[in-house]
Amino acid sequence: MLLLDTHVFLWLVDRQADLSAKAVRAIGQNPGRIFISSITGFEIAVKAERGALELPLPPIAWTRTALARHGIDEIPVTCEIGALAASLPKIHRDPCDRIIIATAQLRNLTLWTKDATIAKYPDVTTAW
């Protein structure tokens, strides 16, 4: 099962040329087994609010549409995920990425990301 980092989800929806060939293959071969963390919705909304991301719809509508169109499910941020994210080594300072890492660890998911810093964490499998 695959967990997409926020940038990978965004690229899947609007910039597939930015995805690695390996990511395109994995996504295509795993219908119904692809996930994002619910924190991704927060990241998308913040980027849109700051003007760093232009969306044709309000962030919540855009995200719902993208999830449905690509058959992706979201994993909620639970107390367990939050606590694990807080206890991770301070390799990555971004709290959203730490939540995504904790989600991958607890759910035993391969985390698809181009962020090389994430691969430095123990007990997380990454791919790109």
N, C-alpha and C. Protein backbone atom coordinates (compact mmCIF):
# COMPACT_ATOMS: atom_id res chain seq x y z
N MET A 1 0.84 -1.18 0.00
CA MET A 1 0.00 0.00 0.00
C MET A 1 0.89 1.24 0.00
N LEU A 2 0.39 2.29 -0.63
CA LEU A 2 1.17 3.50 -0.85
C LEU A 2 0.58 4.68 -0.08
N LEU A 3 1.46 5.46 0.54
CA LEU A 3 1.08 6.72 1.16
C LEU A 3 1.79 7.82 0.37
N LEU A 4 1.04 8.76 -0.17
CA LEU A 4 1.62 9.82 -0.97
C LEU A 4 1.91 11.05 -0.12
N ASP A 5 3.14 11.53 -0.22
CA ASP A 5 3.48 12.81 0.39
C ASP A 5 2.66 13.88 -0.34
N THR A 6 2.49 15.03 0.28
CA THR A 6 1.63 16.06 -0.29
C THR A 6 2.05 16.47 -1.70
N HIS A 7 3.34 16.67 -1.92
CA HIS A 7 3.78 17.09 -3.25
C HIS A 7 3.52 16.01 -4.29
N VAL A 8 3.62 14.75 -3.91
CA VAL A 8 3.35 13.66 -4.85
C VAL A 8 1.86 13.65 -5.21
N PHE A 9 1.00 13.85 -4.23
CA PHE A 9 -0.44 13.94 -4.50
C PHE A 9 -0.74 15.10 -5.45
N LEU A 10 -0.15 16.26 -5.18
CA LEU A 10 -0.37 17.42 -6.05
C LEU A 10 0.11 17.14 -7.47
N TRP A 11 1.27 16.52 -7.60
CA TRP A 11 1.81 16.22 -8.92
C TRP A 11 0.96 15.18 -9.63
N LEU A 12 0.45 14.20 -8.90
CA LEU A 12 -0.41 13.19 -9.52
C LEU A 12 -1.64 13.85 -10.15
N VAL A 13 -2.18 14.83 -9.46
CA VAL A 13 -3.41 15.47 -9.92
C VAL A 13 -3.14 16.45 -11.07
N ASP A 14 -2.09 17.25 -10.96
CA ASP A 14 -1.92 18.36 -11.91
C ASP A 14 -0.60 18.41 -12.67
N ARG A 15 0.40 17.65 -12.25
CA ARG A 15 1.72 17.75 -12.90
C ARG A 15 2.38 16.38 -12.99
N GLN A 16 1.71 15.45 -13.63
CA GLN A 16 2.21 14.07 -13.66
C GLN A 16 3.60 13.95 -14.26
N ALA A 17 4.00 14.88 -15.09
CA ALA A 17 5.35 14.84 -15.68
C ALA A 17 6.43 14.97 -14.60
N ASP A 18 6.07 15.52 -13.43
CA ASP A 18 7.03 15.67 -12.33
C ASP A 18 7.20 14.39 -11.51
N LEU A 19 6.32 13.43 -11.71
CA LEU A 19 6.43 12.16 -10.99
C LEU A 19 7.54 11.31 -11.61
N SER A 20 8.19 10.51 -10.77
CA SER A 20 9.17 9.57 -11.29
C SER A 20 8.43 8.46 -12.05
N ALA A 21 9.12 7.82 -12.97
CA ALA A 21 8.53 6.69 -13.70
C ALA A 21 8.12 5.59 -12.73
N LYS A 22 8.94 5.40 -11.72
CA LYS A 22 8.65 4.36 -10.71
C LYS A 22 7.35 4.70 -9.95
N ALA A 23 7.15 5.97 -9.62
CA ALA A 23 5.93 6.39 -8.92
C ALA A 23 4.71 6.20 -9.82
N VAL A 24 4.82 6.57 -11.07
CA VAL A 24 3.70 6.40 -12.01
C VAL A 24 3.31 4.93 -12.10
N ARG A 25 4.31 4.05 -12.22
CA ARG A 25 4.04 2.60 -12.28
C ARG A 25 3.37 2.11 -11.01
N ALA A 26 3.93 2.48 -9.87
CA ALA A 26 3.39 2.00 -8.58
C ALA A 26 1.96 2.47 -8.38
N ILE A 27 1.68 3.72 -8.70
CA ILE A 27 0.33 4.25 -8.54
C ILE A 27 -0.62 3.51 -9.48
N GLY A 28 -0.19 3.30 -10.70
CA GLY A 28 -1.04 2.60 -11.67
C GLY A 28 -1.31 1.14 -11.33
N GLN A 29 -0.37 0.52 -10.61
CA GLN A 29 -0.50 -0.90 -10.27
C GLN A 29 -1.18 -1.14 -8.93
N ASN A 30 -1.58 -0.08 -8.24
CA ASN A 30 -2.16 -0.24 -6.90
C ASN A 30 -3.50 0.45 -6.73
N PRO A 31 -4.43 0.26 -7.65
CA PRO A 31 -5.73 0.92 -7.47
C PRO A 31 -6.40 0.46 -6.17
N GLY A 32 -6.98 1.41 -5.47
CA GLY A 32 -7.66 1.08 -4.22
C GLY A 32 -6.72 0.88 -3.04
N ARG A 33 -5.42 1.08 -3.27
CA ARG A 33 -4.43 0.87 -2.20
C ARG A 33 -3.52 2.09 -2.06
N ILE A 34 -4.08 3.27 -2.38
CA ILE A 34 -3.31 4.50 -2.34
C ILE A 34 -3.96 5.45 -1.34
N PHE A 35 -3.12 6.07 -0.50
CA PHE A 35 -3.63 6.90 0.59
C PHE A 35 -2.87 8.22 0.69
N ILE A 36 -3.51 9.19 1.32
CA ILE A 36 -2.85 10.39 1.79
C ILE A 36 -3.22 10.54 3.26
N SER A 37 -2.41 11.27 3.99
CA SER A 37 -2.77 11.65 5.36
C SER A 37 -3.74 12.82 5.28
N SER A 38 -4.65 12.91 6.23
CA SER A 38 -5.57 14.05 6.24
C SER A 38 -4.82 15.37 6.44
N ILE A 39 -3.61 15.33 6.95
CA ILE A 39 -2.82 16.56 7.11
C ILE A 39 -2.49 17.16 5.74
N THR A 40 -2.54 16.34 4.69
CA THR A 40 -2.32 16.84 3.33
C THR A 40 -3.36 17.89 2.97
N GLY A 41 -4.60 17.71 3.40
CA GLY A 41 -5.63 18.72 3.15
C GLY A 41 -5.28 20.05 3.79
N PHE A 42 -4.72 19.99 4.97
CA PHE A 42 -4.26 21.20 5.66
C PHE A 42 -3.14 21.87 4.87
N GLU A 43 -2.17 21.07 4.44
CA GLU A 43 -1.04 21.63 3.69
C GLU A 43 -1.50 22.30 2.40
N ILE A 44 -2.42 21.66 1.70
CA ILE A 44 -2.94 22.21 0.46
C ILE A 44 -3.67 23.53 0.72
N ALA A 45 -4.50 23.56 1.74
CA ALA A 45 -5.25 24.78 2.07
C ALA A 45 -4.31 25.92 2.46
N VAL A 46 -3.26 25.61 3.22
CA VAL A 46 -2.30 26.64 3.63
C VAL A 46 -1.56 27.18 2.42
N LYS A 47 -1.12 26.30 1.53
CA LYS A 47 -0.43 26.74 0.31
C LYS A 47 -1.34 27.63 -0.54
N ALA A 48 -2.60 27.25 -0.66
CA ALA A 48 -3.54 28.05 -1.43
C ALA A 48 -3.77 29.42 -0.78
N GLU A 49 -3.90 29.43 0.53
CA GLU A 49 -4.12 30.67 1.27
C GLU A 49 -2.93 31.63 1.12
N ARG A 50 -1.72 31.07 1.12
CA ARG A 50 -0.50 31.89 0.98
C ARG A 50 -0.27 32.36 -0.45
N GLY A 51 -1.00 31.77 -1.39
CA GLY A 51 -0.80 32.11 -2.80
C GLY A 51 0.28 31.27 -3.46
N ALA A 52 0.77 30.24 -2.78
CA ALA A 52 1.82 29.37 -3.33
C ALA A 52 1.24 28.26 -4.20
N LEU A 53 -0.08 28.14 -4.20
CA LEU A 53 -0.75 27.10 -4.97
C LEU A 53 -2.05 27.67 -5.50
N GLU A 54 -2.23 27.57 -6.80
CA GLU A 54 -3.46 28.05 -7.42
C GLU A 54 -4.36 26.86 -7.71
N LEU A 55 -5.57 26.91 -7.21
CA LEU A 55 -6.53 25.83 -7.41
C LEU A 55 -7.76 26.38 -8.12
N PRO A 56 -8.38 25.58 -8.98
CA PRO A 56 -9.59 26.04 -9.68
C PRO A 56 -10.84 26.01 -8.80
N LEU A 57 -10.74 25.39 -7.64
CA LEU A 57 -11.85 25.27 -6.69
C LEU A 57 -11.34 25.61 -5.30
N PRO A 58 -12.21 25.88 -4.34
CA PRO A 58 -11.76 26.02 -2.96
C PRO A 58 -11.02 24.73 -2.54
N PRO A 59 -10.03 24.85 -1.66
CA PRO A 59 -9.20 23.69 -1.32
C PRO A 59 -9.96 22.42 -0.93
N ILE A 60 -11.01 22.55 -0.13
CA ILE A 60 -11.73 21.34 0.30
C ILE A 60 -12.43 20.67 -0.89
N ALA A 61 -13.02 21.46 -1.77
CA ALA A 61 -13.69 20.89 -2.94
C ALA A 61 -12.67 20.29 -3.90
N TRP A 62 -11.54 20.98 -4.09
CA TRP A 62 -10.50 20.48 -4.97
C TRP A 62 -9.96 19.14 -4.47
N THR A 63 -9.71 19.07 -3.15
CA THR A 63 -9.16 17.84 -2.57
C THR A 63 -10.15 16.70 -2.68
N ARG A 64 -11.41 16.94 -2.36
CA ARG A 64 -12.44 15.89 -2.48
C ARG A 64 -12.52 15.37 -3.91
N THR A 65 -12.52 16.28 -4.87
CA THR A 65 -12.61 15.90 -6.28
C THR A 65 -11.38 15.08 -6.70
N ALA A 66 -10.21 15.53 -6.28
CA ALA A 66 -8.97 14.83 -6.64
C ALA A 66 -8.92 13.43 -6.03
N LEU A 67 -9.34 13.31 -4.78
CA LEU A 67 -9.35 11.98 -4.13
C LEU A 67 -10.28 11.03 -4.87
N ALA A 68 -11.47 11.52 -5.20
CA ALA A 68 -12.45 10.67 -5.90
C ALA A 68 -11.96 10.30 -7.30
N ARG A 69 -11.42 11.26 -8.02
CA ARG A 69 -10.99 11.01 -9.39
C ARG A 69 -9.85 9.99 -9.46
N HIS A 70 -8.98 9.98 -8.45
CA HIS A 70 -7.83 9.09 -8.46
C HIS A 70 -7.99 7.87 -7.56
N GLY A 71 -9.16 7.72 -6.94
CA GLY A 71 -9.41 6.55 -6.11
C GLY A 71 -8.50 6.48 -4.90
N ILE A 72 -8.24 7.62 -4.29
CA ILE A 72 -7.34 7.70 -3.14
C ILE A 72 -8.17 7.89 -1.88
N ASP A 73 -7.78 7.20 -0.82
CA ASP A 73 -8.44 7.34 0.48
C ASP A 73 -7.54 8.14 1.41
N GLU A 74 -8.16 8.79 2.38
CA GLU A 74 -7.36 9.53 3.36
C GLU A 74 -7.35 8.81 4.69
N ILE A 75 -6.24 8.96 5.38
CA ILE A 75 -6.07 8.38 6.71
C ILE A 75 -6.11 9.55 7.70
N PRO A 76 -7.05 9.51 8.65
CA PRO A 76 -7.15 10.61 9.61
C PRO A 76 -5.93 10.66 10.54
N VAL A 77 -5.65 11.85 11.03
CA VAL A 77 -4.59 12.02 12.03
C VAL A 77 -5.19 11.67 13.38
N THR A 78 -4.75 10.56 13.93
CA THR A 78 -5.23 10.09 15.23
C THR A 78 -4.31 10.59 16.34
N CYS A 79 -4.74 10.42 17.57
CA CYS A 79 -3.89 10.76 18.71
C CYS A 79 -2.60 9.95 18.68
N GLU A 80 -2.69 8.69 18.29
CA GLU A 80 -1.50 7.84 18.21
C GLU A 80 -0.52 8.37 17.16
N ILE A 81 -1.03 8.78 16.01
CA ILE A 81 -0.17 9.34 14.97
C ILE A 81 0.46 10.64 15.47
N GLY A 82 -0.34 11.49 16.10
CA GLY A 82 0.19 12.75 16.63
C GLY A 82 1.27 12.54 17.67
N ALA A 83 1.05 11.61 18.58
CA ALA A 83 2.05 11.35 19.62
C ALA A 83 3.33 10.79 19.03
N LEU A 84 3.20 9.87 18.07
CA LEU A 84 4.40 9.32 17.43
C LEU A 84 5.14 10.42 16.66
N ALA A 85 4.41 11.26 15.95
CA ALA A 85 5.05 12.35 15.19
C ALA A 85 5.85 13.25 16.12
N ALA A 86 5.31 13.54 17.29
CA ALA A 86 5.99 14.41 18.25
C ALA A 86 7.25 13.75 18.82
N SER A 87 7.26 12.42 18.88
CA SER A 87 8.40 11.73 19.49
C SER A 87 9.47 11.33 18.48
N LEU A 88 9.24 11.59 17.20
CA LEU A 88 10.24 11.24 16.19
C LEU A 88 11.52 12.05 16.39
N PRO A 89 12.65 11.50 15.96
CA PRO A 89 13.89 12.29 16.00
C PRO A 89 13.69 13.59 15.23
N LYS A 90 14.38 14.63 15.64
CA LYS A 90 14.20 15.96 15.05
C LYS A 90 14.97 16.12 13.73
N ILE A 91 14.90 15.12 12.88
CA ILE A 91 15.57 15.16 11.58
C ILE A 91 14.85 16.15 10.67
N HIS A 92 13.54 16.11 10.69
CA HIS A 92 12.72 16.97 9.83
C HIS A 92 11.95 17.92 10.74
N ARG A 93 12.01 19.20 10.46
CA ARG A 93 11.36 20.20 11.31
C ARG A 93 9.90 20.43 10.95
N ASP A 94 9.47 20.01 9.77
CA ASP A 94 8.11 20.26 9.31
C ASP A 94 7.13 19.34 10.04
N PRO A 95 6.23 19.89 10.86
CA PRO A 95 5.32 19.03 11.62
C PRO A 95 4.38 18.22 10.72
N CYS A 96 4.00 18.75 9.57
CA CYS A 96 3.13 18.00 8.66
C CYS A 96 3.87 16.78 8.11
N ASP A 97 5.12 16.97 7.73
CA ASP A 97 5.90 15.81 7.25
C ASP A 97 6.09 14.79 8.36
N ARG A 98 6.26 15.23 9.57
CA ARG A 98 6.43 14.30 10.69
C ARG A 98 5.14 13.48 10.91
N ILE A 99 3.99 14.12 10.71
CA ILE A 99 2.72 13.39 10.81
C ILE A 99 2.61 12.37 9.68
N ILE A 100 3.01 12.74 8.48
CA ILE A 100 2.97 11.81 7.36
C ILE A 100 3.93 10.64 7.61
N ILE A 101 5.09 10.92 8.14
CA ILE A 101 6.06 9.86 8.47
C ILE A 101 5.47 8.91 9.52
N ALA A 102 4.89 9.47 10.57
CA ALA A 102 4.29 8.64 11.62
C ALA A 102 3.15 7.79 11.07
N THR A 103 2.38 8.34 10.17
CA THR A 103 1.29 7.59 9.54
C THR A 103 1.85 6.39 8.78
N ALA A 104 2.90 6.63 8.01
CA ALA A 104 3.53 5.53 7.26
C ALA A 104 4.07 4.47 8.21
N GLN A 105 4.69 4.88 9.28
CA GLN A 105 5.25 3.93 10.24
C GLN A 105 4.15 3.08 10.89
N LEU A 106 3.12 3.73 11.40
CA LEU A 106 2.07 3.01 12.12
C LEU A 106 1.23 2.12 11.21
N ARG A 107 1.04 2.54 9.98
CA ARG A 107 0.21 1.76 9.04
C ARG A 107 1.04 0.83 8.16
N ASN A 108 2.36 0.85 8.35
CA ASN A 108 3.27 0.02 7.56
C ASN A 108 3.08 0.26 6.06
N LEU A 109 3.09 1.53 5.68
CA LEU A 109 2.90 1.94 4.29
C LEU A 109 4.22 2.43 3.71
N THR A 110 4.40 2.22 2.41
CA THR A 110 5.53 2.82 1.72
C THR A 110 5.18 4.27 1.43
N LEU A 111 6.04 5.17 1.86
CA LEU A 111 5.82 6.60 1.69
C LEU A 111 6.50 7.07 0.40
N TRP A 112 5.70 7.52 -0.53
CA TRP A 112 6.21 8.00 -1.82
C TRP A 112 6.48 9.48 -1.71
N THR A 113 7.77 9.84 -1.80
CA THR A 113 8.20 11.21 -1.62
C THR A 113 9.51 11.46 -2.35
N LYS A 114 9.70 12.68 -2.77
CA LYS A 114 10.98 13.09 -3.36
C LYS A 114 11.86 13.71 -2.29
N ASP A 115 11.34 13.90 -1.10
CA ASP A 115 12.05 14.53 0.02
C ASP A 115 13.07 13.56 0.62
N ALA A 116 14.33 13.77 0.33
CA ALA A 116 15.39 12.87 0.79
C ALA A 116 15.56 12.88 2.31
N THR A 117 15.16 13.94 2.97
CA THR A 117 15.27 14.02 4.43
C THR A 117 14.38 12.97 5.09
N ILE A 118 13.23 12.71 4.52
CA ILE A 118 12.30 11.74 5.10
C ILE A 118 12.92 10.34 5.12
N ALA A 119 13.70 10.00 4.11
CA ALA A 119 14.32 8.68 4.04
C ALA A 119 15.33 8.44 5.17
N LYS A 120 15.75 9.49 5.86
CA LYS A 120 16.71 9.36 6.96
C LYS A 120 16.07 8.81 8.24
N TYR A 121 14.75 8.78 8.28
CA TYR A 121 14.06 8.29 9.48
C TYR A 121 14.13 6.78 9.56
N PRO A 122 14.31 6.26 10.77
CA PRO A 122 14.27 4.80 10.94
C PRO A 122 12.83 4.31 10.84
N ASP A 123 12.68 3.09 10.50
CA ASP A 123 11.37 2.44 10.50
C ASP A 123 10.36 3.06 9.55
N VAL A 124 10.83 3.67 8.47
CA VAL A 124 9.93 4.16 7.43
C VAL A 124 10.52 3.75 6.08
N THR A 125 9.66 3.17 5.25
CA THR A 125 10.08 2.78 3.92
C THR A 125 9.64 3.87 2.95
N THR A 126 10.60 4.43 2.22
CA THR A 126 10.27 5.45 1.23
C THR A 126 10.61 4.96 -0.16
N ALA A 127 9.98 5.58 -1.13
CA ALA A 127 10.27 5.26 -2.53
C ALA A 127 10.08 6.52 -3.33
N TRP A 128 10.77 6.55 -4.46
CA TRP A 128 10.59 7.63 -5.41
C TRP A 128 10.88 7.11 -6.79
